[in-house]
C-alpha atoms as a PDB file:
ATOM      1  CA  UNK A   1      15.824  10.537  18.795  1.00  0.00           C
ATOM      2  CA  UNK A   2      13.357   7.923  19.970  1.00  0.00           C
ATOM      3  CA  UNK A   3      10.533   9.936  18.375  1.00  0.00           C
ATOM      4  CA  UNK A   4      12.276   9.818  14.991  1.00  0.00           C
ATOM      5  CA  UNK A   5      12.724   6.049  15.201  1.00  0.00           C
ATOM      6  CA  UNK A   6       9.069   5.626  16.146  1.00  0.00           C
ATOM      7  CA  UNK A   7       7.912   7.728  13.186  1.00  0.00           C
ATOM      8  CA  UNK A   8      10.120   5.714  10.827  1.00  0.00           C
ATOM      9  CA  UNK A   9       8.722   2.490  12.242  1.00  0.00           C
ATOM     10  CA  UNK A  10       5.138   3.701  11.789  1.00  0.00           C
ATOM     11  CA  UNK A  11       5.912   4.782   8.225  1.00  0.00           C
ATOM     12  CA  UNK A  12       7.344   1.323   7.508  1.00  0.00           C
ATOM     13  CA  UNK A  13       4.290  -0.374   8.994  1.00  0.00           C
ATOM     14  CA  UNK A  14       1.971   1.808   6.909  1.00  0.00           C
ATOM     15  CA  UNK A  15       3.934   1.031   3.736  1.00  0.00           C
ATOM     16  CA  UNK A  16       3.825  -2.695   4.517  1.00  0.00           C
ATOM     17  CA  UNK A  17       0.064  -2.604   5.017  1.00  0.00           C
ATOM     18  CA  UNK A  18      -0.425  -0.732   1.737  1.00  0.00           C
ATOM     19  CA  UNK A  19       1.724  -3.261  -0.132  1.00  0.00           C
ATOM     20  CA  UNK A  20      -0.192  -6.138   1.463  1.00  0.00           C
ATOM     21  CA  UNK A  21      -3.526  -4.674   0.411  1.00  0.00           C
ATOM     22  CA  UNK A  22      -2.275  -4.129  -3.140  1.00  0.00           C
ATOM     23  CA  UNK A  23      -0.973  -7.695  -3.352  1.00  0.00           C
ATOM     24  CA  UNK A  24      -4.270  -9.055  -2.014  1.00  0.00           C
ATOM     25  CA  UNK A  25      -6.234  -7.147  -4.632  1.00  0.00           C
ATOM     26  CA  UNK A  26      -3.964  -8.441  -7.413  1.00  0.00           C
ATOM     27  CA  UNK A  27      -4.349 -12.019  -6.162  1.00  0.00           C
ATOM     28  CA  UNK A  28      -8.116 -11.596  -5.975  1.00  0.00           C
ATOM     29  CA  UNK A  29      -8.238 -10.432  -9.581  1.00  0.00           C
ATOM     30  CA  UNK A  30      -6.111 -13.401 -10.682  1.00  0.00           C
ATOM     31  CA  UNK A  31      -8.315 -15.897  -8.822  1.00  0.00           C
ATOM     32  CA  UNK A  32     -11.461 -14.346 -10.284  1.00  0.00           C
ATOM     33  CA  UNK A  33     -10.080 -14.650 -13.811  1.00  0.00           C
ATOM     34  CA  UNK A  34      -9.007 -18.249 -13.153  1.00  0.00           C
ATOM     35  CA  UNK A  35     -12.486 -19.110 -11.886  1.00  0.00           C
ATOM     36  CA  UNK A  36     -14.267 -17.451 -14.807  1.00  0.00           C
ATOM     37  CA  UNK A  37     -11.976 -19.237 -17.259  1.00  0.00           C
ATOM     38  CA  UNK A  38     -12.370 -22.623 -15.554  1.00  0.00           C
ATOM     39  CA  UNK A  39     -16.168 -22.216 -15.722  1.00  0.00           C
ATOM     40  CA  UNK A  40     -16.046 -21.371 -19.425  1.00  0.00           C
ATOM     41  CA  UNK A  41     -17.320 -17.819 -18.936  1.00  0.00           C
ATOM     42  CA  UNK A  42     -14.098 -16.157 -20.089  1.00  0.00           C
ATOM     43  CA  UNK A  43     -11.635 -17.199 -22.769  1.00  0.00           C
ATOM     44  CA  UNK A  44      -8.027 -17.995 -21.965  1.00  0.00           C
ATOM     45  CA  UNK A  45      -6.985 -15.333 -24.442  1.00  0.00           C
ATOM     46  CA  UNK A  46      -9.061 -12.581 -22.823  1.00  0.00           C
ATOM     47  CA  UNK A  47      -8.078 -13.567 -19.276  1.00  0.00           C
ATOM     48  CA  UNK A  48      -4.359 -13.741 -20.041  1.00  0.00           C
ATOM     49  CA  UNK A  49      -4.568 -10.373 -21.795  1.00  0.00           C
ATOM     50  CA  UNK A  50      -6.135  -8.809 -18.675  1.00  0.00           C
ATOM     51  CA  UNK A  51      -3.156 -10.004 -16.615  1.00  0.00           C
ATOM     52  CA  UNK A  52      -0.629  -8.989 -19.305  1.00  0.00           C
ATOM     53  CA  UNK A  53       0.548 -12.599 -19.547  1.00  0.00           C
ATOM     54  CA  UNK A  54       0.985 -15.098 -22.323  1.00  0.00           C
ATOM     55  CA  UNK A  55      -1.651 -17.812 -22.493  1.00  0.00           C
ATOM     56  CA  UNK A  56       0.973 -20.308 -21.318  1.00  0.00           C
ATOM     57  CA  UNK A  57       1.836 -18.168 -18.267  1.00  0.00           C
ATOM     58  CA  UNK A  58      -1.859 -17.777 -17.460  1.00  0.00           C
ATOM     59  CA  UNK A  59      -2.536 -21.521 -17.688  1.00  0.00           C
ATOM     60  CA  UNK A  60       0.495 -22.276 -15.504  1.00  0.00           C
ATOM     61  CA  UNK A  61      -0.738 -19.827 -12.868  1.00  0.00           C
ATOM     62  CA  UNK A  62      -4.227 -21.271 -13.082  1.00  0.00           C
ATOM     63  CA  UNK A  63      -2.917 -24.803 -12.600  1.00  0.00           C
ATOM     64  CA  UNK A  64      -0.663 -23.735  -9.703  1.00  0.00           C
ATOM     65  CA  UNK A  65      -3.660 -22.083  -8.025  1.00  0.00           C
ATOM     66  CA  UNK A  66      -5.492 -25.414  -8.111  1.00  0.00           C
ATOM     67  CA  UNK A  67      -7.964 -24.747 -10.908  1.00  0.00           C
ATOM     68  CA  UNK A  68      -8.809 -27.310 -13.547  1.00  0.00           C
ATOM     69  CA  UNK A  69      -7.606 -26.246 -16.942  1.00  0.00           C
ATOM     70  CA  UNK A  70     -10.418 -25.677 -19.426  1.00  0.00           C
ATOM     71  CA  UNK A  71     -10.900 -28.020 -22.349  1.00  0.00           C
ATOM     72  CA  UNK A  72      -9.165 -26.263 -25.250  1.00  0.00           C
ATOM     73  CA  UNK A  73     -10.514 -28.423 -28.070  1.00  0.00           C
END
């Protein structure tokens, strides 16, 4: 019975690691898009589309991540 519990624990650890890697990749993509947008190399529209967000959601995320919002004049 101990062997079964150990296998379940290892499976849970593996799943947790996989989810952590996936989340890290998603966060990296978001931060890259925020940086490119803040530097004027990517439009807000294109960046928000890549993340399947509205422009407002994208700008809120960008601000919350500590990036300066681009001048939208």
